[in-house]
C-alpha atoms as a PDB file:
ATOM      1  CA  MET A   1     143.222-104.169  40.045  1.00  0.00           C
ATOM      2  CA  ARG A   2     146.766-105.735  39.819  1.00  0.00           C
ATOM      3  CA  ILE A   3     147.875-109.165  40.651  1.00  0.00           C
ATOM      4  CA  GLY A   4     151.613-109.573  41.617  1.00  0.00           C
ATOM      5  CA  ILE A   5     153.537-113.046  42.689  1.00  0.00           C
ATOM      6  CA  GLY A   6     156.300-113.368  44.714  1.00  0.00           C
ATOM      7  CA  TYR A   7     158.778-115.825  45.761  1.00  0.00           C
ATOM      8  CA  ASP A   8     161.968-116.185  48.206  1.00  0.00           C
ATOM      9  CA  ILE A   9     164.103-118.690  49.787  1.00  0.00           C
ATOM     10  CA  HIS A  10     166.803-118.757  52.041  1.00  0.00           C
ATOM     11  CA  ARG A  11     169.187-121.427  53.752  1.00  0.00           C
ATOM     12  CA  LEU A  12     168.979-122.254  57.438  1.00  0.00           C
ATOM     13  CA  LYS A  13     171.997-121.792  59.593  1.00  0.00           C
ATOM     14  CA  GLU A  14     172.763-122.043  63.048  1.00  0.00           C
ATOM     15  CA  GLY A  15     173.611-119.155  65.024  1.00  0.00           C
ATOM     16  CA  ARG A  16     171.149-116.818  63.018  1.00  0.00           C
ATOM     17  CA  ARG A  17     167.744-115.600  64.201  1.00  0.00           C
ATOM     18  CA  LEU A  18     164.710-116.739  62.648  1.00  0.00           C
ATOM     19  CA  MET A  19     162.550-113.871  61.535  1.00  0.00           C
ATOM     20  CA  LEU A  20     159.597-115.144  59.403  1.00  0.00           C
ATOM     21  CA  GLY A  21     156.545-112.633  58.746  1.00  0.00           C
ATOM     22  CA  GLY A  22     158.210-110.029  60.805  1.00  0.00           C
ATOM     23  CA  VAL A  23     157.989-112.492  63.844  1.00  0.00           C
ATOM     24  CA  GLU A  24     161.267-113.588  65.635  1.00  0.00           C
ATOM     25  CA  LEU A  25     160.681-117.324  66.079  1.00  0.00           C
ATOM     26  CA  PRO A  26     162.987-119.231  68.851  1.00  0.00           C
ATOM     27  CA  GLY A  27     165.243-122.101  67.767  1.00  0.00           C
ATOM     28  CA  PRO A  28     168.862-122.544  66.684  1.00  0.00           C
ATOM     29  CA  LEU A  29     168.683-122.007  63.181  1.00  0.00           C
ATOM     30  CA  GLY A  30     168.035-118.988  61.241  1.00  0.00           C
ATOM     31  CA  LEU A  31     167.897-117.849  57.567  1.00  0.00           C
ATOM     32  CA  VAL A  32     170.799-116.333  55.991  1.00  0.00           C
ATOM     33  CA  GLY A  33     170.329-113.336  53.783  1.00  0.00           C
ATOM     34  CA  HIS A  34     172.049-109.895  53.167  1.00  0.00           C
ATOM     35  CA  SER A  35     169.182-108.696  55.608  1.00  0.00           C
ATOM     36  CA  ASP A  36     167.577-110.405  58.315  1.00  0.00           C
ATOM     37  CA  GLY A  37     166.605-113.005  55.541  1.00  0.00           C
ATOM     38  CA  ASP A  38     162.803-113.069  56.338  1.00  0.00           C
ATOM     39  CA  ALA A  39     161.783-114.955  53.261  1.00  0.00           C
ATOM     40  CA  VAL A  40     158.053-114.271  53.931  1.00  0.00           C
ATOM     41  CA  LEU A  41     158.374-110.603  54.080  1.00  0.00           C
ATOM     42  CA  HIS A  42     160.735-110.825  51.027  1.00  0.00           C
ATOM     43  CA  ALA A  43     158.074-112.753  48.848  1.00  0.00           C
ATOM     44  CA  ILE A  44     155.508-109.962  49.831  1.00  0.00           C
ATOM     45  CA  ALA A  45     157.478-107.338  48.706  1.00  0.00           C
ATOM     46  CA  ASP A  46     158.375-108.981  45.569  1.00  0.00           C
ATOM     47  CA  ALA A  47     155.040-109.527  44.749  1.00  0.00           C
ATOM     48  CA  ILE A  48     153.835-105.800  45.425  1.00  0.00           C
ATOM     49  CA  LEU A  49     156.909-104.598  43.063  1.00  0.00           C
ATOM     50  CA  GLY A  50     155.626-107.185  40.287  1.00  0.00           C
ATOM     51  CA  ALA A  51     152.255-105.907  40.614  1.00  0.00           C
ATOM     52  CA  ALA A  52     153.325-101.956  40.444  1.00  0.00           C
ATOM     53  CA  ALA A  53     155.769-103.022  37.543  1.00  0.00           C
ATOM     54  CA  LEU A  54     158.646-101.897  39.705  1.00  0.00           C
ATOM     55  CA  GLY A  55     161.077-104.691  38.926  1.00  0.00           C
ATOM     56  CA  ASP A  56     161.954-107.140  41.671  1.00  0.00           C
ATOM     57  CA  LEU A  57     163.904-106.824  45.113  1.00  0.00           C
ATOM     58  CA  GLY A  58     167.373-107.102  43.622  1.00  0.00           C
ATOM     59  CA  ASP A  59     166.596-103.976  41.463  1.00  0.00           C
ATOM     60  CA  HIS A  60     166.130-101.734  44.636  1.00  0.00           C
ATOM     61  CA  PHE A  61     167.829-103.575  47.350  1.00  0.00           C
ATOM     62  CA  PRO A  62     171.121-105.460  45.702  1.00  0.00           C
ATOM     63  CA  ASP A  63     172.938-107.848  48.280  1.00  0.00           C
ATOM     64  CA  SER A  64     175.935-105.864  47.209  1.00  0.00           C
ATOM     65  CA  SER A  65     174.336-102.684  49.160  1.00  0.00           C
ATOM     66  CA  ASP A  66     175.770-101.559  52.347  1.00  0.00           C
ATOM     67  CA  GLU A  67     172.775 -99.888  53.094  1.00  0.00           C
ATOM     68  CA  TRP A  68     170.560-103.087  53.339  1.00  0.00           C
ATOM     69  CA  ARG A  69     173.149-105.174  54.909  1.00  0.00           C
ATOM     70  CA  ASP A  70     171.545-106.902  58.158  1.00  0.00           C
ATOM     71  CA  ALA A  71     168.186-104.750  57.574  1.00  0.00           C
ATOM     72  CA  ASP A  72     165.152-105.504  59.018  1.00  0.00           C
ATOM     73  CA  SER A  73     162.861-106.807  56.272  1.00  0.00           C
ATOM     74  CA  ALA A  74     159.913-104.816  57.835  1.00  0.00           C
ATOM     75  CA  ASP A  75     161.939-101.730  56.880  1.00  0.00           C
ATOM     76  CA  ILE A  76     162.285-103.123  53.106  1.00  0.00           C
ATOM     77  CA  LEU A  77     158.588-104.063  52.883  1.00  0.00           C
ATOM     78  CA  SER A  78     157.654-100.691  54.193  1.00  0.00           C
ATOM     79  CA  ALA A  79     159.704 -99.007  51.551  1.00  0.00           C
ATOM     80  CA  VAL A  80     158.355-101.164  48.761  1.00  0.00           C
ATOM     81  CA  VAL A  81     154.838-100.144  49.913  1.00  0.00           C
ATOM     82  CA  GLU A  82     155.833 -96.575  49.640  1.00  0.00           C
ATOM     83  CA  MET A  83     157.026 -97.236  46.060  1.00  0.00           C
ATOM     84  CA  ALA A  84     153.919 -98.601  45.298  1.00  0.00           C
ATOM     85  CA  ALA A  85     152.253 -95.585  46.654  1.00  0.00           C
ATOM     86  CA  GLY A  86     154.118 -93.485  44.143  1.00  0.00           C
ATOM     87  CA  ARG A  87     152.607 -95.401  41.266  1.00  0.00           C
ATOM     88  CA  SER A  88     149.322 -94.753  43.179  1.00  0.00           C
ATOM     89  CA  MET A  89     148.891 -98.451  44.039  1.00  0.00           C
ATOM     90  CA  ARG A  90     148.027 -99.925  47.589  1.00  0.00           C
ATOM     91  CA  VAL A  91     147.619-103.483  49.036  1.00  0.00           C
ATOM     92  CA  HIS A  92     144.228-104.708  49.023  1.00  0.00           C
ATOM     93  CA  ASN A  93     144.928-108.263  50.217  1.00  0.00           C
ATOM     94  CA  VAL A  94     147.926-110.655  50.301  1.00  0.00           C
ATOM     95  CA  ASP A  95     148.206-114.761  50.512  1.00  0.00           C
ATOM     96  CA  VAL A  96     151.247-116.218  51.616  1.00  0.00           C
ATOM     97  CA  ASN A  97     152.167-119.953  51.800  1.00  0.00           C
ATOM     98  CA  VAL A  98     155.478-120.524  53.683  1.00  0.00           C
ATOM     99  CA  VAL A  99     157.193-123.882  52.933  1.00  0.00           C
ATOM    100  CA  ALA A 100     159.201-125.487  56.006  1.00  0.00           C
ATOM    101  CA  GLN A 101     160.005-128.705  57.207  1.00  0.00           C
ATOM    102  CA  ARG A 102     160.957-127.185  60.477  1.00  0.00           C
ATOM    103  CA  PRO A 103     159.969-125.193  62.934  1.00  0.00           C
ATOM    104  CA  LYS A 104     156.455-126.044  63.130  1.00  0.00           C
ATOM    105  CA  LEU A 105     154.675-122.734  62.557  1.00  0.00           C
ATOM    106  CA  SER A 106     150.916-123.098  63.421  1.00  0.00           C
ATOM    107  CA  ALA A 107     151.468-121.167  66.668  1.00  0.00           C
ATOM    108  CA  ALA A 108     153.179-118.039  65.031  1.00  0.00           C
ATOM    109  CA  LYS A 109     150.671-117.817  62.043  1.00  0.00           C
ATOM    110  CA  ALA A 110     148.338-115.469  63.967  1.00  0.00           C
ATOM    111  CA  GLN A 111     151.191-113.105  65.018  1.00  0.00           C
ATOM    112  CA  MET A 112     152.661-113.054  61.651  1.00  0.00           C
ATOM    113  CA  ARG A 113     149.289-112.002  60.236  1.00  0.00           C
ATOM    114  CA  CYS A 114     148.854-109.099  62.401  1.00  0.00           C
ATOM    115  CA  ARG A 115     152.671-108.240  61.886  1.00  0.00           C
ATOM    116  CA  ILE A 116     152.020-108.360  58.054  1.00  0.00           C
ATOM    117  CA  ALA A 117     148.922-106.170  58.203  1.00  0.00           C
ATOM    118  CA  ALA A 118     150.641-103.699  60.365  1.00  0.00           C
ATOM    119  CA  ILE A 119     153.381-103.141  57.858  1.00  0.00           C
ATOM    120  CA  LEU A 120     151.097-103.183  54.933  1.00  0.00           C
ATOM    121  CA  GLY A 121     148.682-100.789  56.730  1.00  0.00           C
ATOM    122  CA  ILE A 122     145.535-103.335  56.229  1.00  0.00           C
ATOM    123  CA  ALA A 123     143.422-105.076  58.480  1.00  0.00           C
ATOM    124  CA  ALA A 124     144.665-108.613  59.488  1.00  0.00           C
ATOM    125  CA  SER A 125     141.345-110.135  57.933  1.00  0.00           C
ATOM    126  CA  SER A 126     143.100-109.010  54.709  1.00  0.00           C
ATOM    127  CA  VAL A 127     146.401-111.167  55.088  1.00  0.00           C
ATOM    128  CA  SER A 128     146.479-115.018  54.884  1.00  0.00           C
ATOM    129  CA  VAL A 129     149.272-116.970  56.071  1.00  0.00           C
ATOM    130  CA  LYS A 130     149.529-120.859  55.501  1.00  0.00           C
ATOM    131  CA  ALA A 131     152.003-123.044  56.381  1.00  0.00           C
ATOM    132  CA  ARG A 132     153.122-126.319  54.227  1.00  0.00           C
ATOM    133  CA  THR A 133     155.913-128.974  54.348  1.00  0.00           C
ATOM    134  CA  ALA A 134     157.890-130.195  51.403  1.00  0.00           C
ATOM    135  CA  GLU A 135     157.174-134.092  52.495  1.00  0.00           C
ATOM    136  CA  GLY A 136     160.719-134.365  52.841  1.00  0.00           C
ATOM    137  CA  LEU A 137     161.594-133.205  49.325  1.00  0.00           C
ATOM    138  CA  GLY A 138     164.401-131.162  48.211  1.00  0.00           C
ATOM    139  CA  PRO A 139     166.267-128.574  50.296  1.00  0.00           C
ATOM    140  CA  VAL A 140     163.235-127.296  52.185  1.00  0.00           C
ATOM    141  CA  GLY A 141     162.313-130.960  52.822  1.00  0.00           C
ATOM    142  CA  ARG A 142     165.794-131.909  54.429  1.00  0.00           C
ATOM    143  CA  GLY A 143     165.321-128.805  56.619  1.00  0.00           C
ATOM    144  CA  GLU A 144     168.111-126.932  55.075  1.00  0.00           C
ATOM    145  CA  ALA A 145     165.927-124.035  53.831  1.00  0.00           C
ATOM    146  CA  ILE A 146     162.489-122.251  54.231  1.00  0.00           C
ATOM    147  CA  GLU A 147     160.592-120.627  51.012  1.00  0.00           C
ATOM    148  CA  ALA A 148     157.720-118.367  50.801  1.00  0.00           C
ATOM    149  CA  HIS A 149     155.146-117.700  48.136  1.00  0.00           C
ATOM    150  CA  ALA A 150     153.052-114.507  48.115  1.00  0.00           C
ATOM    151  CA  VAL A 151     150.243-113.459  46.076  1.00  0.00           C
ATOM    152  CA  VAL A 152     149.015-109.882  46.350  1.00  0.00           C
ATOM    153  CA  LEU A 153     146.067-107.776  44.954  1.00  0.00           C
ATOM    154  CA  MET A 154     146.783-104.339  44.592  1.00  0.00           C
ATOM    155  CA  GLU A 155     144.106-101.473  43.954  1.00  0.00           C
ATOM    156  CA  GLU A 156     144.580 -98.024  42.703  1.00  0.00           C
ATOM    157  CA  ALA A 157     144.975 -95.764  45.779  1.00  0.00           C
ATOM    158  CA  ARG A 158     142.226 -93.041  45.444  1.00  0.00           C
ATOM    159  CA  GLU A 159     141.646 -89.930  47.398  1.00  0.00           C
ATOM    160  CA  ASP A 160     138.334 -89.542  49.105  1.00  0.00           C
ATOM    161  CA  LYS A 161     136.321 -87.498  46.761  1.00  0.00           C
ATOM    162  CA  ASN A 162     134.133 -86.434  49.623  1.00  0.00           C
ATOM    163  CA  ARG A 163     137.068 -85.124  51.259  1.00  0.00           C
ATOM    164  CA  ASP A 164     136.941 -81.374  52.374  1.00  0.00           C
ATOM    165  CA  ASN A 165     139.587 -79.586  50.265  1.00  0.00           C
ATOM    166  CA  GLY A 166     139.045 -76.335  52.169  1.00  0.00           C
END
């Protein structure tokens, strides 16, 4: 078993779509990023890379790469899951804190859990998404940014020994 910790923060800007946890949320502000700026999926991907000792997002998806410009962060997370599988590691569970002054996220948390679970190939019951505010402090508290913290527990992916090898 291995534990990984991930973090991401992105500025909010008018005229961008807001993607969080693989879910598009309505509103006039979205996250600025080289990809779609989904801080939740980026934090999870960063945690997986850390647990598998594969570096960080910038090592694999640099903001200088045209290949990942405006990319769907679900594709980035899927690629990271494949990298971890190459090290015989798979996600057992994930716990995410989303820190945002706005928008309110309570109505979207269940949808985010299901979307994250689908991308990771695990049960939604193994995904926790919690929403927090920054109590008016710093850029998040002023409504200028959204940040996400993620912890993943990874386990060795073992082949089923009872499988027929015939």
